[in-house]
Protein backbone atom coordinates (compact mmCIF):
# COMPACT_ATOMS: atom_id res chain seq x y z
CA UNK A 1 42.62 -40.76 -16.23
CA UNK A 2 46.01 -40.97 -14.54
CA UNK A 3 46.49 -42.71 -11.18
CA UNK A 4 49.56 -41.23 -9.54
CA UNK A 5 49.08 -43.48 -6.49
CA UNK A 6 46.74 -46.25 -5.31
CA UNK A 7 44.37 -43.67 -3.80
CA UNK A 8 44.84 -40.57 -5.98
CA UNK A 9 44.00 -39.76 -9.57
CA UNK A 10 43.44 -36.90 -11.99
CA UNK A 11 41.62 -36.99 -15.28
CA UNK A 12 40.02 -35.14 -18.15
CA UNK A 13 36.68 -35.82 -19.81
CA UNK A 14 35.15 -34.28 -22.91
CA UNK A 15 31.46 -34.92 -23.52
CA UNK A 16 29.19 -34.01 -26.40
CA UNK A 17 25.46 -34.14 -25.61
CA UNK A 18 22.17 -33.12 -27.12
CA UNK A 19 18.52 -32.80 -26.23
CA UNK A 20 15.96 -33.62 -28.90
CA UNK A 21 13.80 -31.01 -30.56
CA UNK A 22 10.03 -31.06 -30.43
CA UNK A 23 6.78 -29.18 -30.74
CA UNK A 24 5.81 -26.10 -28.75
CA UNK A 25 2.02 -25.65 -28.48
CA UNK A 26 0.26 -22.44 -27.42
CA UNK A 27 -3.14 -23.60 -26.22
CA UNK A 28 -4.43 -20.02 -25.76
CA UNK A 29 -3.76 -18.90 -29.32
CA UNK A 30 -4.20 -22.33 -30.87
CA UNK A 31 -0.80 -22.14 -32.57
CA UNK A 32 2.33 -24.27 -32.56
CA UNK A 33 5.91 -24.22 -33.74
CA UNK A 34 8.66 -26.79 -34.00
CA UNK A 35 12.16 -26.44 -32.59
CA UNK A 36 15.40 -28.29 -33.31
CA UNK A 37 17.78 -30.18 -30.97
CA UNK A 38 20.19 -28.30 -28.73
CA UNK A 39 23.81 -29.31 -28.10
CA UNK A 40 26.39 -28.98 -25.35
CA UNK A 41 30.12 -29.58 -25.30
CA UNK A 42 31.55 -30.02 -21.78
CA UNK A 43 35.20 -30.24 -20.79
CA UNK A 44 35.85 -31.32 -17.21
CA UNK A 45 39.04 -31.70 -15.21
CA UNK A 46 38.74 -33.83 -12.07
CA UNK A 47 40.91 -34.89 -9.15
CA UNK A 48 40.36 -37.58 -6.50
CA UNK A 49 42.46 -38.41 -3.47
CA UNK A 50 42.24 -40.33 -0.20
CA UNK A 51 44.55 -39.54 2.72
CA UNK A 52 45.32 -40.82 6.21
CA UNK A 53 44.48 -44.45 5.46
CA UNK A 54 41.40 -43.31 3.47
CA UNK A 55 39.87 -41.56 6.46
CA UNK A 56 39.87 -38.31 4.46
CA UNK A 57 38.54 -38.27 0.91
CA UNK A 58 38.60 -35.26 -1.39
CA UNK A 59 37.05 -34.70 -4.80
CA UNK A 60 37.20 -31.68 -7.09
CA UNK A 61 35.76 -30.93 -10.54
CA UNK A 62 36.48 -27.94 -12.76
CA UNK A 63 34.26 -27.72 -15.85
CA UNK A 64 33.30 -25.57 -18.83
CA UNK A 65 30.21 -26.07 -21.01
CA UNK A 66 29.46 -24.48 -24.37
CA UNK A 67 25.74 -24.54 -25.30
CA UNK A 68 24.56 -24.06 -28.91
CA UNK A 69 21.12 -23.97 -30.57
CA UNK A 70 19.76 -23.51 -27.04
CA UNK A 71 16.02 -24.06 -26.55
CA UNK A 72 14.71 -20.94 -24.80
CA UNK A 73 11.32 -19.43 -23.97
CA UNK A 74 10.27 -16.58 -26.25
CA UNK A 75 7.58 -14.14 -25.11
CA UNK A 76 6.47 -12.78 -21.74
CA UNK A 77 7.66 -15.44 -19.31
CA UNK A 78 4.78 -14.96 -16.87
CA UNK A 79 2.06 -15.04 -19.51
CA UNK A 80 0.42 -17.81 -21.53
CA UNK A 81 1.79 -16.36 -24.79
CA UNK A 82 5.14 -18.10 -24.98
CA UNK A 83 6.86 -20.46 -27.38
CA UNK A 84 10.08 -22.47 -27.38
CA UNK A 85 12.67 -21.64 -30.02
CA UNK A 86 16.36 -22.29 -30.74
CA UNK A 87 17.18 -18.65 -30.09
CA UNK A 88 19.98 -18.98 -27.56
CA UNK A 89 23.66 -19.69 -27.19
CA UNK A 90 25.45 -19.67 -23.86
CA UNK A 91 28.27 -20.99 -21.73
CA UNK A 92 28.75 -21.94 -18.12
CA UNK A 93 31.73 -22.86 -15.99
CA UNK A 94 32.24 -23.78 -12.40
CA UNK A 95 34.00 -25.63 -9.63
CA UNK A 96 32.77 -28.35 -7.27
CA UNK A 97 34.62 -29.58 -4.18
CA UNK A 98 33.52 -32.43 -1.91
CA UNK A 99 35.12 -33.91 1.21
CA UNK A 100 34.36 -36.79 3.56
CA UNK A 101 36.04 -37.44 6.90
CA UNK A 102 35.57 -40.74 8.76
CA UNK A 103 35.35 -40.22 12.52
CA UNK A 104 35.11 -42.64 15.48
CA UNK A 105 31.81 -44.29 16.44
CA UNK A 106 30.72 -44.79 12.81
CA UNK A 107 30.48 -41.03 12.22
CA UNK A 108 31.19 -39.33 8.89
CA UNK A 109 31.62 -35.58 8.42
CA UNK A 110 30.89 -34.31 4.92
CA UNK A 111 31.06 -30.94 3.22
CA UNK A 112 30.68 -29.61 -0.30
CA UNK A 113 31.07 -26.28 -2.08
CA UNK A 114 29.87 -25.28 -5.52
CA UNK A 115 30.50 -22.21 -7.63
CA UNK A 116 28.83 -21.71 -11.00
CA UNK A 117 28.78 -18.92 -13.54
CA UNK A 118 26.19 -19.18 -16.32
CA UNK A 119 25.91 -16.58 -19.07
CA UNK A 120 23.91 -16.14 -22.27
CA UNK A 121 26.03 -15.28 -25.32
CA UNK A 122 23.05 -14.79 -27.63
CA UNK A 123 19.39 -14.48 -26.64
CA UNK A 124 17.04 -11.81 -28.00
CA UNK A 125 13.46 -12.00 -26.72
CA UNK A 126 10.90 -9.62 -28.25
CA UNK A 127 13.63 -7.11 -29.03
CA UNK A 128 15.23 -7.32 -25.56
CA UNK A 129 18.83 -8.51 -25.49
CA UNK A 130 19.61 -10.98 -22.68
CA UNK A 131 23.28 -11.44 -23.60
CA UNK A 132 25.55 -11.56 -20.51
CA UNK A 133 22.58 -12.45 -18.26
CA UNK A 134 22.80 -15.53 -16.06
CA UNK A 135 20.40 -18.44 -16.41
CA UNK A 136 17.09 -18.26 -14.55
CA UNK A 137 16.85 -20.36 -11.36
CA UNK A 138 20.63 -20.91 -11.44
CA UNK A 139 22.47 -19.98 -8.21
CA UNK A 140 26.11 -18.89 -8.37
CA UNK A 141 26.96 -20.49 -5.01
CA UNK A 142 25.84 -23.57 -3.11
CA UNK A 143 27.17 -25.69 -0.30
CA UNK A 144 26.39 -28.25 2.37
CA UNK A 145 27.79 -29.41 5.69
CA UNK A 146 26.65 -32.42 7.66
CA UNK A 147 27.30 -35.32 9.96
CA UNK A 148 26.19 -38.90 9.28
CA UNK A 149 25.93 -41.76 11.76
CA UNK A 150 26.05 -44.88 9.60
CA UNK A 151 25.21 -47.56 12.15
CA UNK A 152 26.21 -47.51 15.82
CA UNK A 153 24.51 -50.12 17.99
CA UNK A 154 21.45 -49.99 15.76
CA UNK A 155 21.25 -46.20 15.69
CA UNK A 156 21.71 -44.23 12.47
CA UNK A 157 21.02 -40.66 11.45
CA UNK A 158 22.11 -37.52 9.72
CA UNK A 159 22.03 -33.77 10.28
CA UNK A 160 22.85 -31.39 7.41
CA UNK A 161 22.86 -27.71 6.55
CA UNK A 162 22.28 -26.86 2.89
CA UNK A 163 22.88 -23.43 1.36
CA UNK A 164 21.68 -22.14 -2.02
CA UNK A 165 22.62 -18.67 -3.20
CA UNK A 166 20.29 -16.06 -4.66
CA UNK A 167 18.69 -16.73 -8.05
CA UNK A 168 16.88 -14.85 -10.81
CA UNK A 169 13.41 -16.07 -11.72
CA UNK A 170 13.64 -14.72 -15.28
CA UNK A 171 16.13 -14.85 -18.11
CA UNK A 172 15.94 -11.05 -18.27
CA UNK A 173 17.37 -10.93 -14.70
CA UNK A 174 14.66 -8.47 -13.61
CA UNK A 175 15.41 -7.42 -9.99
CA UNK A 176 11.69 -7.85 -9.18
CA UNK A 177 12.11 -11.56 -9.83
CA UNK A 178 15.26 -12.01 -7.76
CA UNK A 179 15.02 -14.54 -4.91
CA UNK A 180 17.34 -14.29 -1.88
CA UNK A 181 19.57 -17.13 -0.72
CA UNK A 182 18.19 -19.86 1.51
CA UNK A 183 19.69 -22.13 4.17
CA UNK A 184 17.90 -25.30 5.20
CA UNK A 185 18.57 -27.50 8.23
CA UNK A 186 17.48 -31.15 7.96
CA UNK A 187 17.86 -34.01 10.44
CA UNK A 188 16.95 -37.68 10.72
CA UNK A 189 17.44 -40.24 13.48
CA UNK A 190 16.62 -43.92 13.16
CA UNK A 191 16.77 -47.11 15.18
CA UNK A 192 16.84 -50.69 13.89
CA UNK A 193 14.12 -52.87 15.43
CA UNK A 194 13.84 -56.68 15.31
CA UNK A 195 12.42 -58.56 12.29
CA UNK A 196 13.63 -56.01 9.73
CA UNK A 197 11.80 -52.96 11.06
CA UNK A 198 13.29 -49.46 11.36
CA UNK A 199 11.73 -46.47 13.09
CA UNK A 200 12.85 -42.99 12.03
CA UNK A 201 12.17 -39.49 13.32
CA UNK A 202 12.87 -36.70 10.85
CA UNK A 203 12.66 -32.95 10.51
CA UNK A 204 13.14 -30.84 7.39
CA UNK A 205 13.71 -27.10 7.19
CA UNK A 206 13.99 -27.03 10.98
CA UNK A 207 14.87 -23.32 11.11
CA UNK A 208 11.63 -22.54 9.23
CA UNK A 209 13.44 -20.70 6.44
CA UNK A 210 11.01 -18.97 4.07
CA UNK A 211 12.45 -21.25 1.34
CA UNK A 212 11.32 -19.05 -1.52
CA UNK A 213 12.34 -20.64 -4.85
CA UNK A 214 10.74 -18.36 -7.43
CA UNK A 215 9.12 -14.93 -7.69
CA UNK A 216 7.09 -14.23 -10.82
CA UNK A 217 5.79 -10.71 -11.50
CA UNK A 218 3.20 -9.84 -14.15
CA UNK A 219 1.96 -6.37 -15.02
CA UNK A 220 2.85 -2.98 -13.56
CA UNK A 221 1.48 -0.53 -10.99
CA UNK A 222 -1.98 -1.35 -9.66
CA UNK A 223 -2.31 -4.18 -12.17
CA UNK A 224 0.84 -5.90 -10.96
CA UNK A 225 0.41 -9.48 -9.77
CA UNK A 226 3.07 -11.48 -7.98
CA UNK A 227 3.16 -15.28 -7.81
CA UNK A 228 5.65 -17.04 -5.56
CA UNK A 229 6.86 -20.62 -5.49
CA UNK A 230 7.98 -22.06 -2.16
CA UNK A 231 9.88 -25.17 -1.24
CA UNK A 232 9.07 -27.40 1.68
CA UNK A 233 7.97 -25.68 4.90
CA UNK A 234 9.16 -26.84 8.32
CA UNK A 235 8.10 -30.48 8.57
CA UNK A 236 8.34 -33.14 11.28
CA UNK A 237 7.47 -36.78 11.00
CA UNK A 238 7.90 -40.40 12.05
CA UNK A 239 8.22 -43.36 9.71
CA UNK A 240 8.20 -47.09 10.26
CA UNK A 241 9.97 -49.09 7.55
CA UNK A 242 10.21 -52.80 6.96
CA UNK A 243 12.59 -54.74 4.76
CA UNK A 244 12.64 -58.42 3.93
């Protein structure tokens, strides 16, 4: 890490990590197999700065990860006949940018952008080659924009818009399992009451986005079955909190 001023710095980190191996059990067939640990090596370049008397703060991270002995699912992903094996190698790289602006009346404006590219280098599943495919449930783009009221005469709150790009539900990147992007609007407004109480009104997914997060297809033609996984629907609520 190098601090080129009191409020600005750049740095480089290199991290070696692993996840332990284990036992994969197929309860339908009554079989099991063991798998070994997987390893990642991540190199990350970061920058931090604060400008205009720290009223503007910026952060950026550029990273690359190499993944070896990757634990992946072998077999039909939508069936019960799957096992976990060290059959994959991959890499991913991306960029993250965050900003925070302090405004009058205890307001803070924040924004973030993320770009990620994930790619299998080696992954053969039942004779099908998934090399060059992106990871399942891994969006290429994401971002958020919001406004926070930290505490102004007892009132606090936040409103935010969160975007997640399209994803693939399967490692084979089957178009039938592709899920479109989603944009969620969330808001919360609170007021501090006497004796340590706070009352809050909140709303999540206010635009009632479909919020589809997975689409899993099994079979073909008339025998085809589709299962979908959804995130939170539009929700409103009131909470009363108390702190000592």
